[in-house]
Amino acid sequence: MFGTSLHWTTFFYTLIDLILIILAFIQSKRLEHTNLNRYMILGGLFIVYNLTGGLLPIDNFPGPFITQYIITYGVAIAMCVYVVKYLYNEYDIVVLKFRLTVSNIAYYVIACFLLLFLVPYYFNDSIELSRIYFSVPVSAICLYICWAFFKKISDPEKPYPFVVRRNRFSLISIVCIGLLPILTVVGDYPWLTFSVMNTAFYCITFMEIDRYLYFLENKGKMREVFNYYSNLKSDSIASQFDKNGLSRREMEIAMSILENKNYKQIAKDLFIADSTVSKHASNIFKKMDVKNRVTFLKQFSPD
């Protein structure tokens, strides 16, 4: 397209991603309580992935031919790791089994790229063989992460609809990312690969939109909290609160507390540990300048 190797579907996804980032930027400036920096960084990575993966390799690129693959694979690895980090943060996951922290996942994939892609390419000068050597073990770890993530957020009792939708979007997103090394081995089908990858971004987009609509639907429960925030301008903690505010997770937990749910119920609804709920609750009370749950309910309950 436009005299380049960029497929029209890749250009279309890049345009959509750019529009979404612009809208997110406008929204983040308009709303005091919306922090979409993570989302905009993620969108930026998807745009760079689309452009590098869609345009490279080219014949007149300066430097060794392998440099182009280092760039495209490096961007793809950064994007996939950031999606995992995004979803880990969404569910307050620190580590899955086998020490699968975000940093360890990044180290593993980078090591595979260096040892199983670049080294074989140096000896056999074959991109196809190097791609297979690299993709097979990375596919294994990706599939395991998808399974472990599914087990982590699964629960026999059905939570409220907002969490059900979020879980579905999250699962689709991480499965799409997990399919990237498999799609790389299958062959050079840009329309398929970029469609699957950008689906991961759009699922996270739907998740963020759904969260915003959920907050609007339940804004009555948080009205007193927001009013209190507005009256904090002259308080000693105003500058800190104005800068940070309640995070999205803290908003969810605060609304659940205002519904008189205990920490165990909240943890089950949000698929996080009881201790994590307690930690977030402490942060909420500190930001709102109250001593404990009882005081928080007494001061901010709309009833």
Protein backbone atom coordinates (compact mmCIF):
# COMPACT_ATOMS: atom_id res chain seq x y z
CA MET A 1 0.00 0.00 0.00
CA PHE A 2 1.27 3.51 -0.88
CA GLY A 3 4.16 1.91 -2.72
CA THR A 4 5.31 -0.03 0.35
CA SER A 5 4.95 -3.59 1.63
CA LEU A 6 2.34 -2.42 4.17
CA HIS A 7 -0.83 -4.49 3.82
CA TRP A 8 -4.07 -2.52 3.68
CA THR A 9 -5.43 -4.31 6.78
CA THR A 10 -2.32 -3.30 8.74
CA PHE A 11 -2.79 0.33 7.68
CA PHE A 12 -6.45 0.13 8.68
CA TYR A 13 -5.59 -1.22 12.16
CA THR A 14 -2.87 1.38 12.60
CA LEU A 15 -5.36 4.15 11.78
CA ILE A 16 -7.90 2.79 14.27
CA ASP A 17 -5.22 2.45 16.96
CA LEU A 18 -4.12 6.06 16.39
CA ILE A 19 -7.70 7.33 16.67
CA LEU A 20 -8.19 5.39 19.91
CA ILE A 21 -5.03 6.86 21.42
CA ILE A 22 -6.08 10.40 20.47
CA LEU A 23 -9.51 9.85 22.03
CA ALA A 24 -7.89 8.40 25.17
CA PHE A 25 -5.59 11.42 25.42
CA ILE A 26 -8.52 13.82 25.14
CA GLN A 27 -10.47 11.84 27.72
CA SER A 28 -7.55 11.73 30.16
CA LYS A 29 -7.29 15.52 29.99
CA ARG A 30 -11.03 16.02 30.39
CA LEU A 31 -11.64 13.76 33.39
CA GLU A 32 -9.87 14.36 36.69
CA HIS A 33 -10.17 10.75 37.82
CA THR A 34 -9.12 9.00 34.64
CA ASN A 35 -5.53 7.90 34.20
CA LEU A 36 -5.07 6.38 30.77
CA ASN A 37 -1.30 6.63 30.51
CA ARG A 38 -0.86 2.84 30.54
CA TYR A 39 -3.45 2.47 27.82
CA MET A 40 -1.85 5.14 25.61
CA ILE A 41 1.58 3.52 26.01
CA LEU A 42 0.05 0.18 25.03
CA GLY A 43 -1.62 1.73 21.99
CA GLY A 44 1.65 3.34 20.97
CA LEU A 45 3.38 -0.04 21.10
CA PHE A 46 0.70 -1.56 18.87
CA ILE A 47 1.13 1.23 16.35
CA VAL A 48 4.90 0.77 16.26
CA TYR A 49 4.38 -2.99 15.97
CA ASN A 50 2.01 -2.53 13.02
CA LEU A 51 4.41 -0.19 11.23
CA THR A 52 7.62 -2.15 11.80
CA GLY A 53 5.99 -5.50 11.14
CA GLY A 54 4.14 -4.18 8.11
CA LEU A 55 6.98 -2.25 6.48
CA LEU A 56 10.01 -4.39 7.28
CA PRO A 57 11.98 -6.08 5.85
CA ILE A 58 12.85 -3.87 2.88
CA ASP A 59 15.76 -4.12 0.43
CA ASN A 60 17.14 -0.59 0.79
CA PHE A 61 17.30 -0.60 4.59
CA PRO A 62 20.74 0.58 5.83
CA GLY A 63 22.90 -1.92 7.66
CA PRO A 64 22.83 -5.73 7.83
CA PHE A 65 19.63 -7.48 6.79
CA ILE A 66 19.26 -9.12 10.22
CA THR A 67 18.95 -5.67 11.82
CA GLN A 68 15.43 -5.37 10.48
CA TYR A 69 14.41 -8.62 12.18
CA ILE A 70 16.01 -7.47 15.43
CA ILE A 71 13.84 -4.34 15.24
CA THR A 72 10.58 -6.12 14.36
CA TYR A 73 11.05 -8.93 16.89
CA GLY A 74 12.20 -6.48 19.56
CA VAL A 75 9.08 -4.35 19.12
CA ALA A 76 6.84 -7.44 19.11
CA ILE A 77 8.45 -8.75 22.30
CA ALA A 78 8.08 -5.36 24.02
CA MET A 79 4.42 -5.15 22.99
CA CYS A 80 3.57 -8.68 24.15
CA VAL A 81 5.36 -8.28 27.48
CA TYR A 82 3.56 -4.99 28.08
CA VAL A 83 0.19 -6.63 27.41
CA VAL A 84 1.05 -9.27 30.02
CA LYS A 85 2.13 -6.53 32.43
CA TYR A 86 -1.12 -4.66 31.73
CA LEU A 87 -3.23 -7.70 32.56
CA TYR A 88 -1.10 -8.63 35.57
CA ASN A 89 -1.74 -5.13 36.95
CA GLU A 90 -5.43 -5.43 36.12
CA TYR A 91 -5.75 -8.45 38.42
CA ASP A 92 -2.99 -7.49 40.88
CA ILE A 93 -1.01 -10.55 39.82
CA VAL A 94 2.62 -10.49 40.90
CA VAL A 95 3.66 -13.96 39.80
CA LEU A 96 2.13 -17.09 38.31
CA LYS A 97 3.55 -20.57 38.84
CA PHE A 98 7.19 -21.30 37.96
CA ARG A 99 8.19 -17.73 38.89
CA LEU A 100 6.40 -16.25 35.91
CA THR A 101 6.76 -12.61 36.84
CA VAL A 102 6.61 -10.02 34.07
CA SER A 103 10.36 -9.47 34.25
CA ASN A 104 11.11 -13.21 34.15
CA ILE A 105 8.87 -13.64 31.11
CA ALA A 106 10.73 -10.81 29.38
CA TYR A 107 14.13 -12.34 30.24
CA TYR A 108 13.03 -15.75 28.97
CA VAL A 109 11.77 -14.46 25.61
CA ILE A 110 14.82 -12.24 25.07
CA ALA A 111 17.13 -15.15 25.88
CA CYS A 112 15.26 -17.35 23.40
CA PHE A 113 15.60 -14.68 20.73
CA LEU A 114 19.34 -14.31 21.30
CA LEU A 115 20.14 -18.02 21.59
CA LEU A 116 17.55 -19.59 19.32
CA PHE A 117 17.11 -16.96 16.63
CA LEU A 118 20.28 -14.88 16.26
CA VAL A 119 22.80 -17.66 16.96
CA PRO A 120 21.25 -20.16 14.50
CA TYR A 121 20.94 -17.39 11.91
CA TYR A 122 24.65 -16.63 12.31
CA PHE A 123 25.53 -20.23 11.45
CA ASN A 124 22.92 -21.21 8.86
CA ASP A 125 21.90 -17.80 7.43
CA SER A 126 18.27 -18.97 7.31
CA ILE A 127 15.48 -16.78 8.67
CA GLU A 128 12.96 -19.60 8.28
CA LEU A 129 14.90 -22.08 10.44
CA SER A 130 15.76 -19.44 13.03
CA ARG A 131 12.09 -18.47 13.23
CA ILE A 132 11.13 -22.07 13.98
CA TYR A 133 13.88 -22.56 16.58
CA PHE A 134 12.74 -19.42 18.35
CA SER A 135 8.98 -19.84 18.05
CA VAL A 136 8.60 -23.41 19.35
CA PRO A 137 9.80 -22.85 22.96
CA VAL A 138 8.24 -19.37 23.10
CA SER A 139 4.92 -20.87 21.94
CA ALA A 140 5.12 -23.34 24.82
CA ILE A 141 5.61 -20.64 27.44
CA CYS A 142 2.88 -18.48 25.86
CA LEU A 143 0.36 -21.31 25.94
CA TYR A 144 1.23 -22.06 29.55
CA ILE A 145 0.82 -18.39 30.51
CA CYS A 146 -2.63 -18.39 28.87
CA TRP A 147 -3.62 -21.51 30.81
CA ALA A 148 -2.19 -20.25 34.13
CA PHE A 149 -3.87 -16.87 33.65
CA PHE A 150 -7.19 -18.58 32.95
CA LYS A 151 -6.86 -20.69 36.11
CA LYS A 152 -5.93 -17.60 38.12
CA ILE A 153 -9.03 -15.61 37.24
CA SER A 154 -11.48 -18.51 37.07
CA ASP A 155 -13.93 -19.05 39.90
CA PRO A 156 -16.77 -21.56 40.33
CA GLU A 157 -19.14 -18.86 41.53
CA LYS A 158 -20.29 -16.33 38.95
CA PRO A 159 -19.33 -12.78 39.97
CA TYR A 160 -21.23 -9.66 38.96
CA PRO A 161 -21.53 -8.95 35.20
CA PHE A 162 -18.85 -6.24 35.09
CA VAL A 163 -16.18 -8.70 36.26
CA VAL A 164 -17.48 -11.43 33.93
CA ARG A 165 -17.08 -9.10 30.94
CA ARG A 166 -13.65 -7.97 32.06
CA ASN A 167 -12.50 -11.59 32.43
CA ARG A 168 -13.67 -12.45 28.93
CA PHE A 169 -11.93 -9.47 27.36
CA SER A 170 -8.75 -10.23 29.30
CA LEU A 171 -8.72 -13.89 28.29
CA ILE A 172 -9.26 -13.10 24.61
CA SER A 173 -6.48 -10.51 24.77
CA ILE A 174 -3.88 -12.77 26.34
CA VAL A 175 -4.79 -15.70 24.06
CA CYS A 176 -4.29 -13.45 21.01
CA ILE A 177 -0.85 -12.46 22.29
CA GLY A 178 -0.04 -16.10 23.01
CA LEU A 179 -0.83 -17.01 19.40
CA LEU A 180 1.82 -14.68 17.93
CA PRO A 181 4.73 -17.17 17.89
CA ILE A 182 2.43 -19.85 16.45
CA LEU A 183 1.26 -17.49 13.69
CA THR A 184 4.91 -16.68 12.99
CA VAL A 185 5.62 -20.35 12.32
CA VAL A 186 2.46 -20.87 10.26
CA GLY A 187 3.62 -18.45 7.59
CA ASP A 188 3.64 -14.93 6.27
CA TYR A 189 -0.03 -13.95 6.41
CA PRO A 190 -0.05 -10.31 7.54
CA TRP A 191 -3.82 -9.95 7.37
CA LEU A 192 -4.21 -12.85 9.83
CA THR A 193 -1.33 -12.02 12.17
CA PHE A 194 -2.14 -8.33 12.50
CA SER A 195 -5.86 -9.04 12.85
CA VAL A 196 -5.23 -11.38 15.78
CA MET A 197 -2.69 -9.06 17.44
CA ASN A 198 -4.83 -5.95 17.17
CA THR A 199 -7.80 -7.89 18.53
CA ALA A 200 -5.84 -8.05 21.80
CA PHE A 201 -5.64 -4.25 21.88
CA TYR A 202 -9.30 -3.83 21.01
CA CYS A 203 -10.34 -6.23 23.79
CA ILE A 204 -8.40 -4.11 26.29
CA THR A 205 -10.07 -1.04 24.76
CA PHE A 206 -13.52 -2.58 25.28
CA MET A 207 -12.46 -3.43 28.83
CA GLU A 208 -11.53 0.20 29.53
CA ILE A 209 -14.74 1.51 27.95
CA ASP A 210 -16.80 -0.96 29.96
CA ARG A 211 -15.04 0.17 33.14
CA TYR A 212 -15.84 3.80 32.36
CA LEU A 213 -19.51 2.98 31.72
CA TYR A 214 -19.57 0.99 34.95
CA PHE A 215 -18.30 4.00 36.87
CA LEU A 216 -20.93 6.21 35.23
CA GLU A 217 -23.66 3.72 36.12
CA ASN A 218 -22.51 3.62 39.74
CA LYS A 219 -21.44 7.23 40.12
CA GLY A 220 -24.19 7.81 42.67
CA LYS A 221 -22.41 5.49 45.09
CA MET A 222 -19.24 7.53 44.70
CA ARG A 223 -20.82 11.00 44.65
CA GLU A 224 -19.85 11.76 48.20
CA VAL A 225 -16.29 10.63 47.54
CA PHE A 226 -16.03 12.84 44.46
CA ASN A 227 -17.56 15.78 46.32
CA TYR A 228 -15.08 15.28 49.11
CA TYR A 229 -12.30 15.27 46.53
CA SER A 230 -13.50 18.63 45.18
CA ASN A 231 -13.44 20.13 48.67
CA LEU A 232 -9.84 19.05 49.29
CA LYS A 233 -8.26 21.90 47.33
CA SER A 234 -7.11 23.71 50.45
CA ASP A 235 -6.19 20.61 52.44
CA SER A 236 -2.60 19.61 53.15
CA ILE A 237 -2.93 16.43 51.07
CA ALA A 238 -4.64 18.19 48.16
CA SER A 239 -1.59 18.26 45.93
CA GLN A 240 -0.92 14.53 46.35
CA PHE A 241 -4.57 13.56 45.87
CA ASP A 242 -4.93 15.87 42.89
CA LYS A 243 -1.95 14.19 41.27
CA ASN A 244 -2.81 10.55 42.01
CA GLY A 245 -6.48 10.32 42.99
CA LEU A 246 -8.10 6.96 43.45
CA SER A 247 -6.77 4.39 41.00
CA ARG A 248 -9.17 2.35 38.91
CA ARG A 249 -8.74 -0.63 41.22
CA GLU A 250 -9.27 1.58 44.27
CA MET A 251 -12.45 2.93 42.67
CA GLU A 252 -13.80 -0.61 42.28
CA ILE A 253 -12.93 -1.55 45.84
CA ALA A 254 -14.27 1.72 47.24
CA MET A 255 -17.62 1.14 45.52
CA SER A 256 -17.70 -2.42 46.82
CA ILE A 257 -17.03 -1.18 50.36
CA LEU A 258 -19.87 1.31 49.97
CA GLU A 259 -22.06 -1.67 49.06
CA ASN A 260 -21.19 -3.09 52.52
CA LYS A 261 -19.27 -6.02 51.05
CA ASN A 262 -16.57 -7.52 53.25
CA TYR A 263 -13.01 -7.96 52.04
CA LYS A 264 -13.48 -11.65 51.33
CA GLN A 265 -16.49 -10.97 49.09
CA ILE A 266 -14.63 -8.20 47.27
CA ALA A 267 -11.61 -10.43 46.75
CA LYS A 268 -13.81 -13.16 45.28
CA ASP A 269 -15.60 -10.71 42.97
CA LEU A 270 -12.37 -9.17 41.69
CA PHE A 271 -10.32 -12.40 41.66
CA ILE A 272 -7.62 -11.05 43.95
CA ALA A 273 -6.29 -12.03 47.36
CA ASP A 274 -7.91 -10.85 50.59
CA SER A 275 -4.62 -9.24 51.57
CA THR A 276 -4.60 -7.28 48.31
CA VAL A 277 -8.06 -5.90 49.03
CA SER A 278 -6.94 -4.94 52.52
CA LYS A 279 -3.88 -3.16 51.11
CA HIS A 280 -5.96 -1.21 48.60
CA ALA A 281 -8.51 -0.36 51.27
CA SER A 282 -5.76 1.07 53.47
CA ASN A 283 -4.62 3.25 50.57
CA ILE A 284 -8.18 4.43 49.99
CA PHE A 285 -8.64 5.37 53.65
CA LYS A 286 -5.31 7.18 53.65
CA LYS A 287 -6.15 9.17 50.53
CA MET A 288 -9.60 10.04 51.85
CA ASP A 289 -8.15 10.97 55.25
CA VAL A 290 -10.24 8.54 57.29
CA LYS A 291 -9.06 6.09 59.93
CA ASN A 292 -10.84 2.89 58.96
CA ARG A 293 -13.69 1.20 57.12
CA VAL A 294 -16.32 2.23 59.67
CA THR A 295 -15.36 5.89 59.39
CA PHE A 296 -15.24 5.65 55.59
CA LEU A 297 -18.76 4.21 55.44
CA LYS A 298 -20.09 6.74 57.92
CA GLN A 299 -18.59 9.70 56.07
CA PHE A 300 -19.08 8.72 52.42
CA SER A 301 -22.06 6.36 52.24
CA PRO A 302 -24.74 7.99 50.04
CA ASP A 303 -27.50 6.49 52.19
